[in-house]
N, C-alpha and C. Protein backbone atom coordinates (compact mmCIF):
# COMPACT_ATOMS: atom_id res chain seq x y z
N MET A 1 -43.38 6.78 -84.91
CA MET A 1 -43.88 5.87 -85.90
C MET A 1 -45.40 5.92 -85.95
N VAL A 2 -46.01 6.03 -84.78
CA VAL A 2 -47.47 6.08 -84.72
C VAL A 2 -47.98 7.35 -85.40
N LYS A 3 -47.27 8.47 -85.18
CA LYS A 3 -47.69 9.72 -85.83
C LYS A 3 -47.63 9.60 -87.34
N PHE A 4 -46.60 8.93 -87.83
CA PHE A 4 -46.46 8.75 -89.27
C PHE A 4 -47.58 7.87 -89.82
N LEU A 5 -47.92 6.80 -89.12
CA LEU A 5 -49.00 5.93 -89.58
C LEU A 5 -50.35 6.66 -89.56
N LEU A 6 -50.58 7.45 -88.52
CA LEU A 6 -51.82 8.24 -88.48
C LEU A 6 -51.86 9.25 -89.62
N TRP A 7 -50.69 9.83 -89.92
CA TRP A 7 -50.65 10.78 -91.03
C TRP A 7 -50.92 10.07 -92.36
N CYS A 8 -50.42 8.86 -92.52
CA CYS A 8 -50.68 8.09 -93.75
C CYS A 8 -52.17 7.79 -93.89
N VAL A 9 -52.82 7.45 -92.80
CA VAL A 9 -54.27 7.21 -92.83
C VAL A 9 -55.00 8.49 -93.20
N LEU A 10 -54.58 9.60 -92.61
CA LEU A 10 -55.19 10.89 -92.94
C LEU A 10 -54.95 11.24 -94.40
N LEU A 11 -53.76 10.93 -94.90
CA LEU A 11 -53.45 11.18 -96.30
C LEU A 11 -54.35 10.38 -97.21
N PHE A 12 -54.65 9.16 -96.83
CA PHE A 12 -55.52 8.31 -97.63
C PHE A 12 -56.95 8.82 -97.66
N PHE A 13 -57.45 9.26 -96.51
CA PHE A 13 -58.85 9.69 -96.43
C PHE A 13 -59.07 11.14 -96.85
N CYS A 14 -58.15 12.02 -96.49
CA CYS A 14 -58.34 13.44 -96.79
C CYS A 14 -56.98 14.07 -97.04
N TRP A 15 -56.50 13.99 -98.26
CA TRP A 15 -55.14 14.43 -98.54
C TRP A 15 -54.92 15.93 -98.36
N PRO A 16 -55.90 16.82 -98.63
CA PRO A 16 -55.61 18.25 -98.37
C PRO A 16 -55.36 18.54 -96.88
N LEU A 17 -56.14 17.90 -96.02
CA LEU A 17 -55.95 18.10 -94.59
C LEU A 17 -54.60 17.53 -94.14
N ALA A 18 -54.19 16.43 -94.72
CA ALA A 18 -52.89 15.84 -94.38
C ALA A 18 -51.75 16.76 -94.81
N LEU A 19 -51.85 17.39 -95.94
CA LEU A 19 -50.81 18.30 -96.40
C LEU A 19 -50.76 19.56 -95.54
N ILE A 20 -51.93 20.05 -95.13
CA ILE A 20 -51.97 21.21 -94.23
C ILE A 20 -51.33 20.84 -92.88
N ALA A 21 -51.63 19.65 -92.39
CA ALA A 21 -51.04 19.20 -91.12
C ALA A 21 -49.53 19.06 -91.26
N LEU A 22 -49.07 18.61 -92.40
CA LEU A 22 -47.63 18.45 -92.63
C LEU A 22 -46.92 19.79 -92.62
N VAL A 23 -47.58 20.82 -93.11
CA VAL A 23 -46.98 22.16 -93.14
C VAL A 23 -47.07 22.84 -91.77
N LEU A 24 -48.18 22.67 -91.08
CA LEU A 24 -48.41 23.37 -89.82
C LEU A 24 -47.73 22.72 -88.62
N TYR A 25 -47.39 21.43 -88.68
CA TYR A 25 -46.80 20.74 -87.54
C TYR A 25 -45.50 21.39 -87.06
N PRO A 26 -44.54 21.71 -87.95
CA PRO A 26 -43.32 22.37 -87.44
C PRO A 26 -43.57 23.76 -86.87
N ILE A 27 -44.53 24.47 -87.43
CA ILE A 27 -44.84 25.82 -86.93
C ILE A 27 -45.42 25.73 -85.52
N VAL A 28 -46.34 24.81 -85.31
CA VAL A 28 -46.94 24.63 -83.99
C VAL A 28 -45.88 24.17 -82.99
N TRP A 29 -44.97 23.29 -83.43
CA TRP A 29 -43.91 22.81 -82.55
C TRP A 29 -43.03 23.96 -82.09
N VAL A 30 -42.67 24.86 -82.99
CA VAL A 30 -41.82 26.01 -82.63
C VAL A 30 -42.58 26.97 -81.71
N LEU A 31 -43.87 27.14 -81.94
CA LEU A 31 -44.66 28.03 -81.08
C LEU A 31 -44.80 27.47 -79.67
N LEU A 32 -44.85 26.15 -79.52
CA LEU A 32 -45.03 25.54 -78.21
C LEU A 32 -43.71 25.32 -77.47
N LEU A 33 -42.59 25.51 -78.12
CA LEU A 33 -41.28 25.28 -77.51
C LEU A 33 -41.03 26.12 -76.26
N PRO A 34 -41.37 27.41 -76.23
CA PRO A 34 -41.16 28.18 -74.99
C PRO A 34 -41.94 27.62 -73.80
N PHE A 35 -43.14 27.10 -74.05
CA PHE A 35 -43.92 26.52 -72.95
C PHE A 35 -43.25 25.27 -72.41
N ARG A 36 -42.62 24.48 -73.28
CA ARG A 36 -41.89 23.31 -72.81
C ARG A 36 -40.70 23.72 -71.96
N ILE A 37 -39.99 24.76 -72.38
CA ILE A 37 -38.83 25.23 -71.63
C ILE A 37 -39.26 25.75 -70.26
N VAL A 38 -40.35 26.50 -70.21
CA VAL A 38 -40.87 26.99 -68.93
C VAL A 38 -41.30 25.82 -68.05
N GLY A 39 -41.91 24.81 -68.64
CA GLY A 39 -42.32 23.63 -67.88
C GLY A 39 -41.14 22.91 -67.27
N ILE A 40 -40.04 22.79 -68.02
CA ILE A 40 -38.84 22.15 -67.49
C ILE A 40 -38.28 22.97 -66.32
N ALA A 41 -38.27 24.30 -66.47
CA ALA A 41 -37.74 25.16 -65.41
C ALA A 41 -38.61 25.09 -64.15
N VAL A 42 -39.92 25.10 -64.32
CA VAL A 42 -40.82 25.02 -63.17
C VAL A 42 -40.69 23.67 -62.49
N GLU A 43 -40.58 22.60 -63.27
CA GLU A 43 -40.41 21.28 -62.69
C GLU A 43 -39.12 21.20 -61.88
N GLY A 44 -38.05 21.79 -62.38
CA GLY A 44 -36.79 21.81 -61.64
C GLY A 44 -36.90 22.61 -60.36
N ALA A 45 -37.56 23.76 -60.41
CA ALA A 45 -37.72 24.59 -59.21
C ALA A 45 -38.57 23.88 -58.17
N LEU A 46 -39.65 23.23 -58.59
CA LEU A 46 -40.48 22.49 -57.63
C LEU A 46 -39.74 21.29 -57.07
N GLY A 47 -38.91 20.65 -57.87
CA GLY A 47 -38.10 19.55 -57.36
C GLY A 47 -37.11 20.03 -56.31
N LEU A 48 -36.53 21.20 -56.53
CA LEU A 48 -35.61 21.76 -55.54
C LEU A 48 -36.34 22.08 -54.24
N VAL A 49 -37.51 22.69 -54.34
CA VAL A 49 -38.30 23.02 -53.13
C VAL A 49 -38.68 21.73 -52.40
N TRP A 50 -39.08 20.70 -53.14
CA TRP A 50 -39.46 19.43 -52.52
C TRP A 50 -38.26 18.80 -51.81
N ALA A 51 -37.09 18.88 -52.43
CA ALA A 51 -35.89 18.33 -51.81
C ALA A 51 -35.54 19.08 -50.54
N LEU A 52 -35.71 20.40 -50.53
CA LEU A 52 -35.42 21.18 -49.33
C LEU A 52 -36.43 20.90 -48.21
N VAL A 53 -37.68 20.69 -48.58
CA VAL A 53 -38.71 20.42 -47.57
C VAL A 53 -38.50 19.04 -46.95
N THR A 54 -38.13 18.07 -47.75
CA THR A 54 -37.99 16.71 -47.23
C THR A 54 -36.59 16.41 -46.72
N LEU A 55 -35.69 17.37 -46.77
CA LEU A 55 -34.32 17.14 -46.31
C LEU A 55 -34.24 16.74 -44.84
N PRO A 56 -34.92 17.40 -43.92
CA PRO A 56 -34.82 16.99 -42.51
C PRO A 56 -35.28 15.54 -42.28
N ALA A 57 -36.35 15.15 -42.95
CA ALA A 57 -36.84 13.79 -42.78
C ALA A 57 -35.84 12.78 -43.33
N ARG A 58 -35.22 13.09 -44.43
CA ARG A 58 -34.23 12.17 -45.01
C ARG A 58 -32.98 12.10 -44.13
N LEU A 59 -32.61 13.22 -43.52
CA LEU A 59 -31.46 13.20 -42.62
C LEU A 59 -31.74 12.39 -41.37
N LEU A 60 -32.95 12.54 -40.80
CA LEU A 60 -33.31 11.77 -39.62
C LEU A 60 -33.43 10.27 -39.92
N ARG A 61 -33.91 9.93 -41.10
CA ARG A 61 -34.05 8.55 -41.50
C ARG A 61 -32.67 7.90 -41.68
N ALA A 62 -31.69 8.68 -42.10
CA ALA A 62 -30.35 8.15 -42.34
C ALA A 62 -29.62 7.84 -41.05
N LEU A 63 -30.05 8.47 -39.94
CA LEU A 63 -29.35 8.26 -38.66
C LEU A 63 -29.76 6.99 -38.01
């Protein structure tokens, strides 16, 4: 909702720039999608490593 309101303000002040942003937003989103996927994969791998490193401490705490 905030993005839409900001776009409306931009449309009011500078409509050509708002139309360019409206066209380019989906293109930029598609271009950045692989980086998001890699980020999710790296976050999962680091979470797994963290779980393996802290496993002995969690096992000792449970006893």
